[in-house]
Amino acid sequence: HLLLAMSGTPAKPLVEVAPGFYNVRANFYVLAGMVNIGTHMSLCRLSNGKFLVLDAIKPVGPLKEELDQLTKGGELIDAVVATHPFHSLYFKDFYKAYPNVRYFGTPRHLRTIKEIPWAGEVMESRGQWEPDVEMRIPAGSEYADPKPPKTNHFCNVVVFHRASRTIFNDDNIMCFNDPGFILRMFGIKDGQVIFHPSIKGPGLYPTPEAPEQYKMWVQDMLNDWDFDNLCSAHNGNVIGGAKAKIKELLGKTEKLFQKLKKQNCEKKAKADCGAWGDDKDAHECG
């Protein structure tokens, strides 16, 4: 399928979201190619002048030329970091283009992609990029081995680039820029920010404490990080005003947190929601 073959390829040029932080949107088709939910990759400049690459898409066409110009053919890439367990499809492509840099993965990347000589697990290695970059994973959710793999895409590494006041995130917090017809049918609006749908299913641990743990994690992020921009994989960015939008979202989700706590206390089964399609083997979302 032609559209499915285009997944992972750049959809738009590389843009500088804020000084020192670059983001590029890529195509990612689901539902037999009917919906382009998008994915992304970013580069953030460190204080030593090098770049940290966050996530990966196919470095092809004009994007490859832009990356080479920005990083001097890869010489200025300090490392490539995988940030979501199920964003794994294009690291092999990126490694073929830039084999001489360090790669850090989530536990699932280290288990499943043997072709890359991983330098380490990203959260265990994050201290080397501080204070330029800070990384956290959402409390109350599973990072090392999320199950079921088709739907539990809630947890990912959330990255804060201090100099640009930008947060990079894959699935945990989603924002939509000009959603297509099918997404609008499901009630998604332009500029809307939501938590990943699996928050109502397997995204949080089925314990009474998990909803509150996640809620406080988001609150701590709002308190600790002075950010203004949010780049999310599916399917857009919030440029300016991101903190206010997430604060508003947190407030709107309070009733859901209480509902989930009650369900977990009563040990009620939750819907296995969060999948983009019916293919039981289609685990990857970027």
C-alpha atoms as a PDB file:
ATOM      1  CA  HIS A   1       0.000   0.000   0.000  1.00  0.00           C
ATOM      2  CA  LEU A   2       1.536   3.284  -1.135  1.00  0.00           C
ATOM      3  CA  LEU A   3       0.362   5.351   1.846  1.00  0.00           C
ATOM      4  CA  LEU A   4       1.565   2.769   4.359  1.00  0.00           C
ATOM      5  CA  ALA A   5       4.954   2.766   2.617  1.00  0.00           C
ATOM      6  CA  MET A   6       5.114   6.516   3.203  1.00  0.00           C
ATOM      7  CA  SER A   7       4.924   6.055   6.978  1.00  0.00           C
ATOM      8  CA  GLY A   8       8.018   7.418   8.662  1.00  0.00           C
ATOM      9  CA  THR A   9       8.834   9.807   5.824  1.00  0.00           C
ATOM     10  CA  PRO A  10       8.920  13.571   6.479  1.00  0.00           C
ATOM     11  CA  ALA A  11       5.571  15.290   5.985  1.00  0.00           C
ATOM     12  CA  LYS A  12       6.881  18.812   6.572  1.00  0.00           C
ATOM     13  CA  PRO A  13      10.279  20.553   6.672  1.00  0.00           C
ATOM     14  CA  LEU A  14      12.389  20.671   9.808  1.00  0.00           C
ATOM     15  CA  VAL A  15      11.312  23.708  11.849  1.00  0.00           C
ATOM     16  CA  GLU A  16      12.922  25.542  14.747  1.00  0.00           C
ATOM     17  CA  VAL A  17      10.129  25.530  17.319  1.00  0.00           C
ATOM     18  CA  ALA A  18      12.143  27.741  19.671  1.00  0.00           C
ATOM     19  CA  PRO A  19      15.822  28.738  19.761  1.00  0.00           C
ATOM     20  CA  GLY A  20      17.859  25.543  19.796  1.00  0.00           C
ATOM     21  CA  PHE A  21      14.926  23.121  19.459  1.00  0.00           C
ATOM     22  CA  TYR A  22      13.996  21.614  16.086  1.00  0.00           C
ATOM     23  CA  ASN A  23      11.038  19.392  15.242  1.00  0.00           C
ATOM     24  CA  VAL A  24      10.007  17.553  12.084  1.00  0.00           C
ATOM     25  CA  ARG A  25       6.621  15.965  11.471  1.00  0.00           C
ATOM     26  CA  ALA A  26       6.385  12.634   9.649  1.00  0.00           C
ATOM     27  CA  ASN A  27       3.608  10.595   8.125  1.00  0.00           C
ATOM     28  CA  PHE A  28       2.279   7.589  10.010  1.00  0.00           C
ATOM     29  CA  TYR A  29      -0.749   5.830   8.569  1.00  0.00           C
ATOM     30  CA  VAL A  30      -3.109   3.535  10.489  1.00  0.00           C
ATOM     31  CA  LEU A  31      -6.491   1.918   9.821  1.00  0.00           C
ATOM     32  CA  ALA A  32      -5.318   0.457   6.504  1.00  0.00           C
ATOM     33  CA  GLY A  33      -3.931   3.821   5.461  1.00  0.00           C
ATOM     34  CA  MET A  34      -7.133   5.760   6.060  1.00  0.00           C
ATOM     35  CA  VAL A  35      -5.823   7.926   8.908  1.00  0.00           C
ATOM     36  CA  ASN A  36      -2.493   9.724   9.135  1.00  0.00           C
ATOM     37  CA  ILE A  37      -1.935  10.104  12.896  1.00  0.00           C
ATOM     38  CA  GLY A  38       1.605  11.358  12.274  1.00  0.00           C
ATOM     39  CA  THR A  39       4.790  10.890  14.225  1.00  0.00           C
ATOM     40  CA  HIS A  40       7.852  13.079  14.807  1.00  0.00           C
ATOM     41  CA  MET A  41      11.498  13.575  15.697  1.00  0.00           C
ATOM     42  CA  SER A  42      13.325  16.453  17.355  1.00  0.00           C
ATOM     43  CA  LEU A  43      16.833  17.772  17.866  1.00  0.00           C
ATOM     44  CA  CYS A  44      17.776  19.964  20.802  1.00  0.00           C
ATOM     45  CA  ARG A  45      21.022  21.884  21.105  1.00  0.00           C
ATOM     46  CA  LEU A  46      23.078  21.202  24.226  1.00  0.00           C
ATOM     47  CA  SER A  47      25.274  23.768  25.942  1.00  0.00           C
ATOM     48  CA  ASN A  48      28.358  22.081  24.437  1.00  0.00           C
ATOM     49  CA  GLY A  49      27.075  22.911  20.942  1.00  0.00           C
ATOM     50  CA  LYS A  50      26.121  19.352  20.054  1.00  0.00           C
ATOM     51  CA  PHE A  51      22.618  17.995  19.471  1.00  0.00           C
ATOM     52  CA  LEU A  52      20.547  15.380  21.219  1.00  0.00           C
ATOM     53  CA  VAL A  53      18.220  13.603  18.752  1.00  0.00           C
ATOM     54  CA  LEU A  54      14.868  12.589  20.263  1.00  0.00           C
ATOM     55  CA  ASP A  55      13.036   9.699  18.599  1.00  0.00           C
ATOM     56  CA  ALA A  56      13.677   8.863  14.925  1.00  0.00           C
ATOM     57  CA  ILE A  57      12.013   9.022  11.530  1.00  0.00           C
ATOM     58  CA  LYS A  58      13.409   8.121   8.124  1.00  0.00           C
ATOM     59  CA  PRO A  59      16.214  10.592   7.265  1.00  0.00           C
ATOM     60  CA  VAL A  60      15.458  10.805   3.567  1.00  0.00           C
ATOM     61  CA  GLY A  61      15.175  13.477   0.889  1.00  0.00           C
ATOM     62  CA  PRO A  62      15.520  17.137   1.887  1.00  0.00           C
ATOM     63  CA  LEU A  63      15.443  16.175   5.596  1.00  0.00           C
ATOM     64  CA  LYS A  64      18.740  14.294   5.260  1.00  0.00           C
ATOM     65  CA  GLU A  65      20.307  17.399   3.733  1.00  0.00           C
ATOM     66  CA  GLU A  66      18.911  19.585   6.540  1.00  0.00           C
ATOM     67  CA  LEU A  67      20.202  17.205   9.222  1.00  0.00           C
ATOM     68  CA  ASP A  68      23.642  17.031   7.605  1.00  0.00           C
ATOM     69  CA  GLN A  69      23.846  20.804   7.400  1.00  0.00           C
ATOM     70  CA  LEU A  70      22.706  21.294  10.998  1.00  0.00           C
ATOM     71  CA  THR A  71      24.941  18.574  12.484  1.00  0.00           C
ATOM     72  CA  LYS A  72      27.904  18.712  10.066  1.00  0.00           C
ATOM     73  CA  GLY A  73      27.106  15.299   8.645  1.00  0.00           C
ATOM     74  CA  GLY A  74      26.357  13.868  12.065  1.00  0.00           C
ATOM     75  CA  GLU A  75      29.558  15.083  13.771  1.00  0.00           C
ATOM     76  CA  LEU A  76      27.523  17.313  16.085  1.00  0.00           C
ATOM     77  CA  ILE A  77      25.084  14.581  17.139  1.00  0.00           C
ATOM     78  CA  ASP A  78      25.880  13.767  20.756  1.00  0.00           C
ATOM     79  CA  ALA A  79      23.403  10.892  20.903  1.00  0.00           C
ATOM     80  CA  VAL A  80      20.137   9.523  19.534  1.00  0.00           C
ATOM     81  CA  VAL A  81      17.548   8.756  22.194  1.00  0.00           C
ATOM     82  CA  ALA A  82      14.472   6.517  21.931  1.00  0.00           C
ATOM     83  CA  THR A  83      11.682   7.884  24.077  1.00  0.00           C
ATOM     84  CA  HIS A  84       8.685   5.562  23.593  1.00  0.00           C
ATOM     85  CA  PRO A  85       8.699   1.754  23.844  1.00  0.00           C
ATOM     86  CA  PHE A  86       6.539   1.433  20.721  1.00  0.00           C
ATOM     87  CA  HIS A  87       8.223   4.109  18.611  1.00  0.00           C
ATOM     88  CA  SER A  88      10.808   1.779  17.142  1.00  0.00           C
ATOM     89  CA  LEU A  89      10.242   1.397  13.404  1.00  0.00           C
ATOM     90  CA  TYR A  90      12.743   3.932  12.046  1.00  0.00           C
ATOM     91  CA  PHE A  91      15.788   3.624  14.293  1.00  0.00           C
ATOM     92  CA  LYS A  92      17.374   1.129  11.907  1.00  0.00           C
ATOM     93  CA  ASP A  93      16.988   3.651   9.075  1.00  0.00           C
ATOM     94  CA  PHE A  94      18.518   6.392  11.197  1.00  0.00           C
ATOM     95  CA  TYR A  95      21.355   4.119  12.312  1.00  0.00           C
ATOM     96  CA  LYS A  96      22.201   3.303   8.673  1.00  0.00           C
ATOM     97  CA  ALA A  97      22.450   7.024   7.965  1.00  0.00           C
ATOM     98  CA  TYR A  98      24.347   7.899  11.171  1.00  0.00           C
ATOM     99  CA  PRO A  99      26.163   4.776  12.432  1.00  0.00           C
ATOM    100  CA  ASN A 100      28.931   6.576  14.296  1.00  0.00           C
ATOM    101  CA  VAL A 101      26.890   8.168  17.095  1.00  0.00           C
ATOM    102  CA  ARG A 102      25.658   6.755  20.390  1.00  0.00           C
ATOM    103  CA  TYR A 103      22.155   5.286  20.628  1.00  0.00           C
ATOM    104  CA  PHE A 104      20.164   4.980  23.846  1.00  0.00           C
ATOM    105  CA  GLY A 105      16.899   3.045  24.032  1.00  0.00           C
ATOM    106  CA  THR A 106      14.031   2.165  26.304  1.00  0.00           C
ATOM    107  CA  PRO A 107      14.150  -1.375  27.751  1.00  0.00           C
ATOM    108  CA  ARG A 108      11.967  -2.598  24.866  1.00  0.00           C
ATOM    109  CA  HIS A 109      14.314  -1.119  22.233  1.00  0.00           C
ATOM    110  CA  LEU A 110      17.241  -2.863  23.864  1.00  0.00           C
ATOM    111  CA  ARG A 111      15.328  -6.163  23.828  1.00  0.00           C
ATOM    112  CA  THR A 112      13.940  -6.031  20.304  1.00  0.00           C
ATOM    113  CA  ILE A 113      16.367  -4.131  18.039  1.00  0.00           C
ATOM    114  CA  LYS A 114      19.571  -6.128  18.026  1.00  0.00           C
ATOM    115  CA  GLU A 115      21.015  -4.479  14.904  1.00  0.00           C
ATOM    116  CA  ILE A 116      21.928  -1.334  16.862  1.00  0.00           C
ATOM    117  CA  PRO A 117      24.803  -1.444  19.397  1.00  0.00           C
ATOM    118  CA  TRP A 118      22.926   0.436  22.120  1.00  0.00           C
ATOM    119  CA  ALA A 119      25.099   2.504  24.455  1.00  0.00           C
ATOM    120  CA  GLY A 120      22.640   2.148  27.319  1.00  0.00           C
ATOM    121  CA  GLU A 121      19.104   2.519  28.621  1.00  0.00           C
ATOM    122  CA  VAL A 122      17.907   6.103  28.315  1.00  0.00           C
ATOM    123  CA  MET A 123      16.567   6.698  31.832  1.00  0.00           C
ATOM    124  CA  GLU A 124      19.635   5.138  33.418  1.00  0.00           C
ATOM    125  CA  SER A 125      21.818   7.407  31.249  1.00  0.00           C
ATOM    126  CA  ARG A 126      19.870  10.677  31.457  1.00  0.00           C
ATOM    127  CA  GLY A 127      22.151  12.387  33.983  1.00  0.00           C
ATOM    128  CA  GLN A 128      24.821  13.072  31.359  1.00  0.00           C
ATOM    129  CA  TRP A 129      22.550  15.612  29.607  1.00  0.00           C
ATOM    130  CA  GLU A 130      21.448  17.485  32.718  1.00  0.00           C
ATOM    131  CA  PRO A 131      20.859  20.339  33.404  1.00  0.00           C
ATOM    132  CA  ASP A 132      20.375  21.149  29.683  1.00  0.00           C
ATOM    133  CA  VAL A 133      17.803  18.378  29.364  1.00  0.00           C
ATOM    134  CA  GLU A 134      15.694  16.683  32.009  1.00  0.00           C
ATOM    135  CA  MET A 135      13.807  13.418  31.492  1.00  0.00           C
ATOM    136  CA  ARG A 136      10.956  11.843  33.454  1.00  0.00           C
ATOM    137  CA  ILE A 137       8.520   8.959  33.005  1.00  0.00           C
ATOM    138  CA  PRO A 138       4.878   9.188  34.112  1.00  0.00           C
ATOM    139  CA  ALA A 139       4.128   7.793  37.561  1.00  0.00           C
ATOM    140  CA  GLY A 140       1.433   5.153  37.920  1.00  0.00           C
ATOM    141  CA  SER A 141       2.214   3.526  34.556  1.00  0.00           C
ATOM    142  CA  GLU A 142       4.428   0.794  33.105  1.00  0.00           C
ATOM    143  CA  TYR A 143       7.560   1.828  31.220  1.00  0.00           C
ATOM    144  CA  ALA A 144       9.800  -1.248  31.002  1.00  0.00           C
ATOM    145  CA  ASP A 145       7.303  -3.764  29.616  1.00  0.00           C
ATOM    146  CA  PRO A 146       3.870  -2.235  28.847  1.00  0.00           C
ATOM    147  CA  LYS A 147       1.070  -4.722  28.226  1.00  0.00           C
ATOM    148  CA  PRO A 148      -1.017  -5.371  26.277  1.00  0.00           C
ATOM    149  CA  PRO A 149       1.365  -4.098  23.593  1.00  0.00           C
ATOM    150  CA  LYS A 150      -1.378  -3.194  21.145  1.00  0.00           C
ATOM    151  CA  THR A 151      -3.086  -0.674  23.427  1.00  0.00           C
ATOM    152  CA  ASN A 152      -0.864   0.267  26.367  1.00  0.00           C
ATOM    153  CA  HIS A 153       1.083   3.122  24.775  1.00  0.00           C
ATOM    154  CA  PHE A 154       0.519   5.504  27.677  1.00  0.00           C
ATOM    155  CA  CYS A 155       4.008   5.696  29.152  1.00  0.00           C
ATOM    156  CA  ASN A 156       6.982   7.334  27.467  1.00  0.00           C
ATOM    157  CA  VAL A 157      10.014   9.399  28.372  1.00  0.00           C
ATOM    158  CA  VAL A 158       8.994  13.050  28.643  1.00  0.00           C
ATOM    159  CA  VAL A 159      11.887  15.371  27.808  1.00  0.00           C
ATOM    160  CA  PHE A 160      12.289  18.989  28.903  1.00  0.00           C
ATOM    161  CA  HIS A 161      14.769  21.173  27.003  1.00  0.00           C
ATOM    162  CA  ARG A 162      15.414  24.001  29.384  1.00  0.00           C
ATOM    163  CA  ALA A 163      16.905  26.618  27.032  1.00  0.00           C
ATOM    164  CA  SER A 164      13.977  26.535  24.577  1.00  0.00           C
ATOM    165  CA  ARG A 165      11.295  25.976  27.252  1.00  0.00           C
ATOM    166  CA  THR A 166      10.057  23.015  25.199  1.00  0.00           C
ATOM    167  CA  ILE A 167       8.719  19.612  26.202  1.00  0.00           C
ATOM    168  CA  PHE A 168       9.111  16.663  23.835  1.00  0.00           C
ATOM    169  CA  ASN A 169       6.634  13.829  24.289  1.00  0.00           C
ATOM    170  CA  ASP A 170       5.294  11.036  22.134  1.00  0.00           C
ATOM    171  CA  ASP A 171       1.927   9.600  23.210  1.00  0.00           C
ATOM    172  CA  ASN A 172       1.285  10.410  26.858  1.00  0.00           C
ATOM    173  CA  ILE A 173      -0.093  13.879  26.143  1.00  0.00           C
ATOM    174  CA  MET A 174      -1.521  14.261  22.659  1.00  0.00           C
ATOM    175  CA  CYS A 175      -2.277  17.469  20.792  1.00  0.00           C
ATOM    176  CA  PHE A 176      -4.010  17.833  17.456  1.00  0.00           C
ATOM    177  CA  ASN A 177      -3.259  20.274  14.658  1.00  0.00           C
ATOM    178  CA  ASP A 178      -5.853  20.284  11.887  1.00  0.00           C
ATOM    179  CA  PRO A 179      -7.188  16.745  12.547  1.00  0.00           C
ATOM    180  CA  GLY A 180      -8.623  14.927   9.558  1.00  0.00           C
ATOM    181  CA  PHE A 181     -12.232  13.999   8.907  1.00  0.00           C
ATOM    182  CA  ILE A 182     -12.165  10.648  10.737  1.00  0.00           C
ATOM    183  CA  LEU A 183     -10.544  12.112  13.863  1.00  0.00           C
ATOM    184  CA  ARG A 184     -13.117  14.912  13.842  1.00  0.00           C
ATOM    185  CA  MET A 185     -15.840  12.251  13.695  1.00  0.00           C
ATOM    186  CA  PHE A 186     -14.497  11.010  17.025  1.00  0.00           C
ATOM    187  CA  GLY A 187     -14.847  14.500  18.496  1.00  0.00           C
ATOM    188  CA  ILE A 188     -11.242  15.645  18.138  1.00  0.00           C
ATOM    189  CA  LYS A 189     -10.949  19.401  17.605  1.00  0.00           C
ATOM    190  CA  ASP A 190      -8.159  21.529  16.183  1.00  0.00           C
ATOM    191  CA  GLY A 191      -5.756  22.575  18.946  1.00  0.00           C
ATOM    192  CA  GLN A 192      -7.188  20.066  21.434  1.00  0.00           C
ATOM    193  CA  VAL A 193      -4.887  18.508  24.056  1.00  0.00           C
ATOM    194  CA  ILE A 194      -5.773  15.143  25.601  1.00  0.00           C
ATOM    195  CA  PHE A 195      -4.201  12.366  27.630  1.00  0.00           C
ATOM    196  CA  HIS A 196      -3.660   9.173  25.650  1.00  0.00           C
ATOM    197  CA  PRO A 197      -6.984   7.270  25.416  1.00  0.00           C
ATOM    198  CA  SER A 198      -5.492   4.245  27.199  1.00  0.00           C
ATOM    199  CA  ILE A 199      -5.728   6.260  30.435  1.00  0.00           C
ATOM    200  CA  LYS A 200      -9.269   4.769  30.536  1.00  0.00           C
ATOM    201  CA  GLY A 201      -7.914   1.281  29.920  1.00  0.00           C
ATOM    202  CA  PRO A 202      -4.538  -0.346  30.574  1.00  0.00           C
ATOM    203  CA  GLY A 203      -2.494   2.874  30.608  1.00  0.00           C
ATOM    204  CA  LEU A 204      -2.452   3.232  34.388  1.00  0.00           C
ATOM    205  CA  TYR A 205      -1.809   0.426  36.834  1.00  0.00           C
ATOM    206  CA  PRO A 206      -5.074  -1.122  38.126  1.00  0.00           C
ATOM    207  CA  THR A 207      -4.385   0.055  41.675  1.00  0.00           C
ATOM    208  CA  PRO A 208      -6.328   2.585  43.759  1.00  0.00           C
ATOM    209  CA  GLU A 209      -3.185   4.732  43.977  1.00  0.00           C
ATOM    210  CA  ALA A 210      -2.260   4.902  40.278  1.00  0.00           C
ATOM    211  CA  PRO A 211      -4.679   7.660  39.138  1.00  0.00           C
ATOM    212  CA  GLU A 212      -3.557   9.953  41.961  1.00  0.00           C
ATOM    213  CA  GLN A 213       0.099   9.099  41.330  1.00  0.00           C
ATOM    214  CA  TYR A 214      -0.215  10.121  37.696  1.00  0.00           C
ATOM    215  CA  LYS A 215      -2.201  13.248  38.548  1.00  0.00           C
ATOM    216  CA  MET A 216       0.485  14.382  41.001  1.00  0.00           C
ATOM    217  CA  TRP A 217       3.200  13.555  38.463  1.00  0.00           C
ATOM    218  CA  VAL A 218       1.584  15.926  35.957  1.00  0.00           C
ATOM    219  CA  GLN A 219       1.185  18.558  38.673  1.00  0.00           C
ATOM    220  CA  ASP A 220       4.862  18.242  39.606  1.00  0.00           C
ATOM    221  CA  MET A 221       5.800  18.661  35.944  1.00  0.00           C
ATOM    222  CA  LEU A 222       3.756  21.866  35.811  1.00  0.00           C
ATOM    223  CA  ASN A 223       5.383  23.116  39.013  1.00  0.00           C
ATOM    224  CA  ASP A 224       8.975  22.138  38.232  1.00  0.00           C
ATOM    225  CA  TRP A 225       9.409  22.855  34.540  1.00  0.00           C
ATOM    226  CA  ASP A 226       9.197  26.347  33.053  1.00  0.00           C
ATOM    227  CA  PHE A 227       7.917  25.350  29.614  1.00  0.00           C
ATOM    228  CA  ASP A 228       5.880  27.105  26.961  1.00  0.00           C
ATOM    229  CA  ASN A 229       5.915  24.629  24.040  1.00  0.00           C
ATOM    230  CA  LEU A 230       4.869  21.005  23.647  1.00  0.00           C
ATOM    231  CA  CYS A 231       5.842  18.693  20.778  1.00  0.00           C
ATOM    232  CA  SER A 232       3.811  15.468  20.629  1.00  0.00           C
ATOM    233  CA  ALA A 233       3.960  12.626  18.143  1.00  0.00           C
ATOM    234  CA  HIS A 234       0.245  12.355  17.462  1.00  0.00           C
ATOM    235  CA  ASN A 235      -0.349  14.576  15.760  1.00  0.00           C
ATOM    236  CA  GLY A 236       0.900  18.094  16.438  1.00  0.00           C
ATOM    237  CA  ASN A 237       2.562  20.756  18.552  1.00  0.00           C
ATOM    238  CA  VAL A 238       1.475  23.484  20.920  1.00  0.00           C
ATOM    239  CA  ILE A 239       3.714  26.482  20.281  1.00  0.00           C
ATOM    240  CA  GLY A 240       3.200  28.936  23.115  1.00  0.00           C
ATOM    241  CA  GLY A 241       0.763  28.458  25.981  1.00  0.00           C
ATOM    242  CA  ALA A 242       1.390  24.722  26.418  1.00  0.00           C
ATOM    243  CA  LYS A 243       1.600  24.888  30.209  1.00  0.00           C
ATOM    244  CA  ALA A 244      -1.798  26.573  30.462  1.00  0.00           C
ATOM    245  CA  LYS A 245      -3.365  23.952  28.160  1.00  0.00           C
ATOM    246  CA  ILE A 246      -2.018  21.030  30.194  1.00  0.00           C
ATOM    247  CA  LYS A 247      -3.102  22.695  33.442  1.00  0.00           C
ATOM    248  CA  GLU A 248      -6.604  23.076  32.000  1.00  0.00           C
ATOM    249  CA  LEU A 249      -6.580  19.445  30.839  1.00  0.00           C
ATOM    250  CA  LEU A 250      -5.555  18.254  34.301  1.00  0.00           C
ATOM    251  CA  GLY A 251      -8.466  20.104  35.843  1.00  0.00           C
ATOM    252  CA  LYS A 252     -10.939  18.673  33.335  1.00  0.00           C
ATOM    253  CA  THR A 253      -9.694  15.140  34.049  1.00  0.00           C
ATOM    254  CA  GLU A 254     -10.322  15.242  37.813  1.00  0.00           C
ATOM    255  CA  LYS A 255     -13.665  13.417  37.543  1.00  0.00           C
ATOM    256  CA  LEU A 256     -12.033  10.699  35.462  1.00  0.00           C
ATOM    257  CA  PHE A 257      -9.267  10.255  38.056  1.00  0.00           C
ATOM    258  CA  GLN A 258     -11.896   9.770  40.756  1.00  0.00           C
ATOM    259  CA  LYS A 259     -13.834   7.329  38.560  1.00  0.00           C
ATOM    260  CA  LEU A 260     -10.699   5.297  37.839  1.00  0.00           C
ATOM    261  CA  LYS A 261      -9.783   5.213  41.526  1.00  0.00           C
ATOM    262  CA  LYS A 262     -13.233   3.868  42.372  1.00  0.00           C
ATOM    263  CA  GLN A 263     -13.057   1.268  39.600  1.00  0.00           C
ATOM    264  CA  ASN A 264      -9.653   0.125  40.815  1.00  0.00           C
ATOM    265  CA  CYS A 265     -10.796  -0.051  44.421  1.00  0.00           C
ATOM    266  CA  GLU A 266     -13.706  -2.243  43.320  1.00  0.00           C
ATOM    267  CA  LYS A 267     -11.381  -4.192  41.009  1.00  0.00           C
ATOM    268  CA  LYS A 268     -13.663  -3.617  38.040  1.00  0.00           C
ATOM    269  CA  ALA A 269     -12.334  -4.560  34.619  1.00  0.00           C
ATOM    270  CA  LYS A 270     -11.581  -1.610  32.333  1.00  0.00           C
ATOM    271  CA  ALA A 271     -11.944  -1.406  28.579  1.00  0.00           C
ATOM    272  CA  ASP A 272      -8.837  -2.352  26.583  1.00  0.00           C
ATOM    273  CA  CYS A 273      -8.848   0.958  24.736  1.00  0.00           C
ATOM    274  CA  GLY A 274      -6.125   2.935  23.010  1.00  0.00           C
ATOM    275  CA  ALA A 275      -5.530   0.997  19.788  1.00  0.00           C
ATOM    276  CA  TRP A 276      -5.462   2.689  16.379  1.00  0.00           C
ATOM    277  CA  GLY A 277      -6.737  -0.331  14.497  1.00  0.00           C
ATOM    278  CA  ASP A 278      -7.816  -3.974  14.557  1.00  0.00           C
ATOM    279  CA  ASP A 279      -4.526  -5.583  13.496  1.00  0.00           C
ATOM    280  CA  LYS A 280      -3.501  -7.599  16.550  1.00  0.00           C
ATOM    281  CA  ASP A 281       0.153  -7.545  15.462  1.00  0.00           C
ATOM    282  CA  ALA A 282       0.368  -3.784  14.803  1.00  0.00           C
ATOM    283  CA  HIS A 283       2.021  -2.718  18.052  1.00  0.00           C
ATOM    284  CA  GLU A 284       4.271   0.043  16.788  1.00  0.00           C
ATOM    285  CA  CYS A 285       2.992   3.623  16.529  1.00  0.00           C
ATOM    286  CA  GLY A 286       6.086   5.382  15.235  1.00  0.00           C
END
